[in-house]
Amino acid sequence: MRFQQIIREYFSFTKNERIGLVVLVVLIGLILVANHLIFYFEKPGKIDPDKFQKLIALLEEQERRGEKSAEGYLFSFDPNAIDSIKLDSLQLPFYVKRNLLNYRSKGGRFYKAADFRKIYGMTDSIFDTIQPYIHIAESREVRLAPEVEKERPQERPVQLPVTAKPETRVEPIEINAATADELKELRGIGEVLSVRIVKYRQLLGGFWGLDQLHDVYGLKPETIENILPYLKLDSTRVVQINVNFASAEDLARHPYISYELAKALVRFRSENGFVNELQILCEKEVISEVDFPRISPYLRTKN
């Protein structure tokens, strides 16, 4: 009896309440019907093909500018003299910078701005952009006339005593954690080379092997051979890039990965899904067999 009374008190409505409830339900129904019918009366807007193409061109131009700004800025430089630190800030693709250093390390020299076009990977568009900023210093070597050279007295070179840099370090340096000041303590490594080693290590994400020191500009093979006994390597410190989530721009920042390869990796991932094994990139010829051994240590497929 008590239960029936509660039902009447809370679930019974007056006449006005019933009318209001019916009106509310009708309004809700009309709104739902109108929401579906409105699309039958709405006319789609007309698309202007010219404006659409201009918008696409504008977006592509903004993307190109974004890519260029990520690679540095332009300034006057001498390709025969610019060091690797300043070269990092120059607006050039990473692979062009790397090929420039390799060309100079093999004795290559630029005598005019047009010679810069011979760098492997250089395109017409890149060269046209960079050409106004190339300033090659003229050689100041002056040859004397033959008769003057004969009259010139022969000067004997003064032999200065060679003082070897004392070796005070006993504990080997961990190359992937060493500071520039610590590297300066090694024989043959001065302030410039120590900074270059640290800078190149940061670009790589860490050294995977000590033989990568040969890629550091200005570091001679005999110097590397002398310092190897005083170095150790912890490869677990290497920073790897997740190939399944990195953008083309993130991948191309690595010295070993060109922008073309970075786009190919992203395209392969988009067309085939997540990469579970890095070896598939070599098997599908996304990364060549020559480049795979040195690039793969810097890639990973899982978090």
Protein backbone atom coordinates (compact mmCIF):
# COMPACT_ATOMS: atom_id res chain seq x y z
CA MET A 1 0.00 0.00 0.00
CA ARG A 2 2.81 2.32 0.89
CA PHE A 3 4.57 1.51 -2.41
CA GLN A 4 1.49 2.43 -4.48
CA GLN A 5 1.29 5.74 -2.66
CA ILE A 6 4.90 6.56 -3.51
CA ILE A 7 4.26 5.72 -7.17
CA ARG A 8 1.28 8.10 -7.28
CA GLU A 9 3.16 10.93 -5.61
CA TYR A 10 6.24 10.86 -7.85
CA PHE A 11 4.98 9.49 -11.18
CA SER A 12 1.56 11.06 -11.55
CA PHE A 13 1.18 14.28 -13.57
CA THR A 14 -1.35 17.05 -13.60
CA LYS A 15 -3.19 17.99 -16.77
CA ASN A 16 -0.88 20.95 -17.47
CA GLU A 17 2.21 18.81 -16.88
CA ARG A 18 0.95 16.20 -19.34
CA ILE A 19 0.32 18.89 -21.97
CA GLY A 20 3.80 20.34 -21.43
CA LEU A 21 5.38 16.89 -21.74
CA VAL A 22 3.55 16.23 -25.01
CA VAL A 23 4.66 19.62 -26.42
CA LEU A 24 8.28 18.92 -25.42
CA VAL A 25 8.26 15.51 -27.14
CA VAL A 26 6.75 17.06 -30.30
CA LEU A 27 9.42 19.79 -30.36
CA ILE A 28 12.22 17.27 -29.98
CA GLY A 29 10.78 15.21 -32.83
CA LEU A 30 10.50 18.29 -35.10
CA ILE A 31 14.12 19.20 -34.38
CA LEU A 32 15.33 15.70 -35.24
CA VAL A 33 13.33 15.66 -38.48
CA ALA A 34 14.54 19.15 -39.45
CA ASN A 35 18.14 18.13 -38.83
CA HIS A 36 17.83 15.41 -41.49
CA LEU A 37 15.72 17.42 -43.97
CA ILE A 38 17.98 20.47 -44.04
CA PHE A 39 20.60 18.63 -46.12
CA TYR A 40 18.07 18.05 -48.90
CA PHE A 41 17.48 21.79 -49.31
CA GLU A 42 21.07 22.98 -48.81
CA LYS A 43 22.87 23.78 -52.05
CA PRO A 44 26.59 22.97 -52.16
CA GLY A 45 28.89 25.88 -52.80
CA LYS A 46 30.64 26.19 -56.13
CA ILE A 47 34.38 25.41 -56.24
CA ASP A 48 36.61 27.85 -58.09
CA PRO A 49 39.35 25.72 -59.76
CA ASP A 50 41.72 28.69 -60.03
CA LYS A 51 41.45 29.54 -56.33
CA PHE A 52 41.88 25.87 -55.44
CA GLN A 53 45.10 25.59 -57.47
CA LYS A 54 46.43 28.82 -55.95
CA LEU A 55 45.75 27.45 -52.47
CA ILE A 56 47.62 24.22 -53.27
CA ALA A 57 50.58 26.20 -54.67
CA LEU A 58 50.63 28.40 -51.55
CA LEU A 59 50.68 25.37 -49.23
CA GLU A 60 53.47 23.73 -51.23
CA GLU A 61 55.53 26.94 -51.11
CA GLN A 62 55.06 27.18 -47.33
CA GLU A 63 56.16 23.54 -47.00
CA ARG A 64 59.30 24.19 -49.07
CA ARG A 65 60.13 27.23 -46.96
CA GLY A 66 59.63 25.19 -43.83
CA GLU A 67 62.06 22.55 -45.11
CA LYS A 68 64.68 25.16 -45.93
CA SER A 69 64.38 26.94 -42.60
CA ALA A 70 64.91 23.62 -40.79
CA GLU A 71 68.25 23.20 -42.53
CA GLY A 72 69.82 26.50 -41.43
CA TYR A 73 70.28 29.93 -42.98
CA LEU A 74 72.32 31.47 -45.77
CA PHE A 75 75.53 33.43 -45.29
CA SER A 76 78.72 34.10 -47.26
CA PHE A 77 81.25 31.28 -47.08
CA ASP A 78 84.38 29.88 -48.70
CA PRO A 79 83.84 26.19 -49.57
CA ASN A 80 87.61 25.67 -49.26
CA ALA A 81 87.81 27.01 -45.73
CA ILE A 82 84.44 26.65 -43.96
CA ASP A 83 84.67 24.25 -41.04
CA SER A 84 82.13 21.59 -40.11
CA ILE A 85 80.67 23.65 -37.24
CA LYS A 86 79.75 26.63 -39.44
CA LEU A 87 78.72 24.26 -42.22
CA ASP A 88 76.09 22.78 -39.89
CA SER A 89 74.38 26.19 -39.79
CA LEU A 90 74.43 26.69 -43.56
CA GLN A 91 71.16 26.18 -45.43
CA LEU A 92 72.11 23.06 -47.35
CA PRO A 93 70.83 19.47 -47.28
CA PHE A 94 72.76 17.24 -44.90
CA TYR A 95 73.99 14.94 -47.65
CA VAL A 96 75.46 17.88 -49.61
CA LYS A 97 77.32 19.06 -46.50
CA ARG A 98 78.66 15.57 -45.90
CA ASN A 99 79.76 15.16 -49.52
CA LEU A 100 81.49 18.55 -49.41
CA LEU A 101 83.59 17.48 -46.42
CA ASN A 102 84.38 14.12 -48.06
CA TYR A 103 85.44 15.90 -51.27
CA ARG A 104 87.83 18.19 -49.39
CA SER A 105 89.22 15.35 -47.29
CA LYS A 106 90.32 13.63 -50.52
CA GLY A 107 92.24 16.73 -51.65
CA GLY A 108 89.49 18.38 -53.67
CA ARG A 109 89.59 22.15 -54.05
CA PHE A 110 87.28 24.82 -55.51
CA TYR A 111 88.76 27.48 -57.77
CA LYS A 112 85.52 29.17 -58.83
CA ALA A 113 81.92 29.16 -57.69
CA ALA A 114 80.88 26.91 -60.57
CA ASP A 115 83.13 24.15 -59.19
CA PHE A 116 80.74 23.82 -56.24
CA ARG A 117 78.19 22.35 -58.67
CA LYS A 118 80.32 19.17 -58.98
CA ILE A 119 79.48 18.09 -55.40
CA TYR A 120 77.51 14.85 -55.55
CA GLY A 121 73.84 15.42 -54.78
CA MET A 122 73.91 19.11 -55.76
CA THR A 123 70.92 20.08 -57.91
CA ASP A 124 70.40 23.14 -60.11
CA SER A 125 67.83 24.61 -57.72
CA ILE A 126 70.12 24.23 -54.69
CA PHE A 127 73.12 25.66 -56.57
CA ASP A 128 71.14 28.65 -57.89
CA THR A 129 70.13 29.47 -54.31
CA ILE A 130 73.58 29.09 -52.78
CA GLN A 131 75.73 30.53 -55.62
CA PRO A 132 75.48 34.25 -54.59
CA TYR A 133 76.88 33.33 -51.16
CA ILE A 134 79.97 31.47 -52.46
CA HIS A 135 83.12 33.57 -52.12
CA ILE A 136 86.38 31.77 -52.85
CA ALA A 137 89.50 33.49 -51.53
CA GLU A 138 92.25 33.99 -54.10
CA SER A 139 95.57 32.26 -53.52
CA ARG A 140 98.26 34.69 -52.32
CA GLU A 141 101.22 32.59 -53.36
CA VAL A 142 103.49 34.66 -55.62
CA ARG A 143 106.10 32.94 -57.72
CA LEU A 144 109.41 34.79 -58.27
CA ALA A 145 110.94 35.02 -61.70
CA PRO A 146 113.48 32.24 -62.41
CA GLU A 147 116.45 34.61 -62.38
CA VAL A 148 115.33 36.18 -59.11
CA GLU A 149 114.92 32.76 -57.56
CA LYS A 150 118.51 31.92 -58.45
CA GLU A 151 119.83 35.06 -56.77
CA ARG A 152 117.75 34.55 -53.67
CA PRO A 153 119.94 33.10 -50.90
CA GLN A 154 118.98 29.69 -49.71
CA GLU A 155 117.80 29.85 -46.15
CA ARG A 156 118.16 26.82 -44.00
CA PRO A 157 115.05 26.00 -42.00
CA VAL A 158 115.44 26.46 -38.31
CA GLN A 159 114.95 23.20 -36.48
CA LEU A 160 112.84 23.77 -33.39
CA PRO A 161 112.83 21.20 -30.61
CA VAL A 162 109.75 19.02 -30.66
CA THR A 163 108.11 18.69 -27.30
CA ALA A 164 105.69 15.83 -27.03
CA LYS A 165 102.46 16.41 -25.17
CA PRO A 166 102.71 14.48 -21.94
CA GLU A 167 100.21 11.72 -21.45
CA THR A 168 98.65 12.20 -18.03
CA ARG A 169 95.43 10.26 -18.57
CA VAL A 170 95.26 6.64 -17.48
CA GLU A 171 91.51 5.99 -17.37
CA PRO A 172 90.03 5.72 -20.91
CA ILE A 173 87.48 8.32 -21.97
CA GLU A 174 83.94 7.20 -22.81
CA ILE A 175 83.56 8.81 -26.24
CA ASN A 176 79.75 9.07 -26.08
CA ALA A 177 79.80 10.95 -22.78
CA ALA A 178 83.04 12.95 -22.96
CA THR A 179 83.02 16.74 -22.96
CA ALA A 180 85.14 18.85 -25.29
CA ASP A 181 87.45 19.73 -22.38
CA GLU A 182 88.04 16.04 -21.62
CA LEU A 183 88.82 15.27 -25.25
CA LYS A 184 91.39 18.09 -25.36
CA GLU A 185 93.56 16.10 -22.97
CA LEU A 186 94.26 13.54 -25.71
CA ARG A 187 97.41 13.91 -27.80
CA GLY A 188 96.71 15.65 -31.10
CA ILE A 189 93.22 16.82 -30.09
CA GLY A 190 93.05 20.56 -29.59
CA GLU A 191 90.18 22.93 -28.92
CA VAL A 192 88.86 22.88 -32.51
CA LEU A 193 88.92 19.10 -32.99
CA SER A 194 87.40 18.41 -29.59
CA VAL A 195 84.43 20.66 -30.40
CA ARG A 196 84.05 19.02 -33.83
CA ILE A 197 83.96 15.54 -32.29
CA VAL A 198 81.26 16.55 -29.79
CA LYS A 199 79.27 18.37 -32.48
CA TYR A 200 79.39 15.41 -34.87
CA ARG A 201 78.47 13.02 -32.04
CA GLN A 202 75.38 15.12 -31.34
CA LEU A 203 74.38 15.06 -35.01
CA LEU A 204 74.76 11.28 -35.12
CA GLY A 205 73.03 10.64 -31.82
CA GLY A 206 76.19 9.00 -30.51
CA PHE A 207 79.02 6.91 -31.97
CA TRP A 208 78.19 3.29 -32.79
CA GLY A 209 81.81 2.43 -33.57
CA LEU A 210 85.13 4.17 -33.04
CA ASP A 211 85.84 3.96 -36.77
CA GLN A 212 83.24 6.73 -37.19
CA LEU A 213 85.88 9.16 -35.94
CA HIS A 214 87.24 9.06 -39.51
CA ASP A 215 84.10 11.00 -40.53
CA VAL A 216 85.07 13.97 -38.33
CA TYR A 217 86.51 16.65 -40.58
CA GLY A 218 90.18 17.42 -39.93
CA LEU A 219 90.79 14.38 -37.72
CA LYS A 220 93.76 12.60 -39.31
CA PRO A 221 94.03 8.78 -39.38
CA GLU A 222 97.33 8.82 -37.49
CA THR A 223 95.76 10.96 -34.75
CA ILE A 224 92.87 8.53 -34.45
CA GLU A 225 95.29 5.61 -34.20
CA ASN A 226 97.16 7.37 -31.39
CA ILE A 227 94.06 8.13 -29.29
CA LEU A 228 92.23 4.80 -29.73
CA PRO A 229 93.96 3.16 -26.71
CA TYR A 230 92.60 5.98 -24.55
CA LEU A 231 88.99 5.67 -25.70
CA LYS A 232 86.14 3.35 -24.81
CA LEU A 233 82.67 3.13 -26.33
CA ASP A 234 79.27 2.56 -24.72
CA SER A 235 76.94 1.94 -27.67
CA THR A 236 73.89 1.83 -25.37
CA ARG A 237 74.08 5.62 -25.23
CA VAL A 238 73.25 5.88 -28.95
CA VAL A 239 69.97 7.72 -29.54
CA GLN A 240 67.81 5.82 -32.03
CA ILE A 241 65.01 7.19 -34.21
CA ASN A 242 61.66 5.38 -34.24
CA VAL A 243 61.16 4.70 -37.93
CA ASN A 244 57.42 4.10 -37.40
CA PHE A 245 56.65 7.56 -36.01
CA ALA A 246 59.40 9.97 -37.12
CA SER A 247 58.60 12.52 -39.81
CA ALA A 248 60.68 12.93 -42.94
CA GLU A 249 62.20 16.10 -41.47
CA ASP A 250 63.24 14.29 -38.27
CA LEU A 251 64.83 11.44 -40.24
CA ALA A 252 66.67 13.80 -42.62
CA ARG A 253 68.40 15.56 -39.73
CA HIS A 254 70.63 12.53 -39.33
CA PRO A 255 73.93 12.88 -41.26
CA TYR A 256 73.56 9.41 -42.81
CA ILE A 257 69.98 9.90 -44.08
CA SER A 258 69.31 12.10 -47.10
CA TYR A 259 65.98 13.86 -47.50
CA GLU A 260 65.12 11.57 -50.44
CA LEU A 261 65.72 8.49 -48.27
CA ALA A 262 63.71 10.01 -45.42
CA LYS A 263 60.72 10.52 -47.72
CA ALA A 264 61.11 6.97 -49.07
CA LEU A 265 61.01 5.58 -45.50
CA VAL A 266 57.86 7.53 -44.66
CA ARG A 267 56.24 6.50 -47.96
CA PHE A 268 57.06 2.82 -47.36
CA ARG A 269 55.57 3.06 -43.87
CA SER A 270 52.39 4.70 -45.19
CA GLU A 271 51.90 2.09 -47.92
CA ASN A 272 52.83 -1.03 -45.94
CA GLY A 273 52.02 -0.22 -42.32
CA PHE A 274 54.35 -0.34 -39.33
CA VAL A 275 57.84 -1.73 -39.82
CA ASN A 276 58.36 -4.68 -37.49
CA GLU A 277 61.90 -5.60 -38.57
CA LEU A 278 64.50 -3.18 -39.94
CA GLN A 279 65.83 -5.86 -42.28
CA ILE A 280 62.69 -5.52 -44.43
CA LEU A 281 63.87 -2.02 -45.42
CA CYS A 282 66.99 -3.57 -46.93
CA GLU A 283 65.13 -6.47 -48.53
CA LYS A 284 62.65 -4.09 -50.18
CA GLU A 285 65.60 -1.89 -51.29
CA VAL A 286 64.33 1.15 -49.41
CA ILE A 287 67.83 1.34 -47.89
CA SER A 288 70.67 0.01 -50.01
CA GLU A 289 72.81 -2.89 -48.84
CA VAL A 290 75.80 -0.53 -48.71
CA ASP A 291 74.10 2.04 -46.45
CA PHE A 292 72.08 -0.35 -44.27
CA PRO A 293 74.93 -1.42 -41.89
CA ARG A 294 75.73 2.16 -40.90
CA ILE A 295 72.14 3.51 -40.83
CA SER A 296 70.34 0.63 -39.07
CA PRO A 297 72.06 1.17 -35.66
CA TYR A 298 70.34 4.56 -35.52
CA LEU A 299 66.82 3.24 -36.24
CA ARG A 300 64.36 1.31 -34.11
CA THR A 301 60.86 -0.06 -34.65
CA LYS A 302 59.52 -0.02 -31.08
CA ASN A 303 59.41 2.44 -28.19
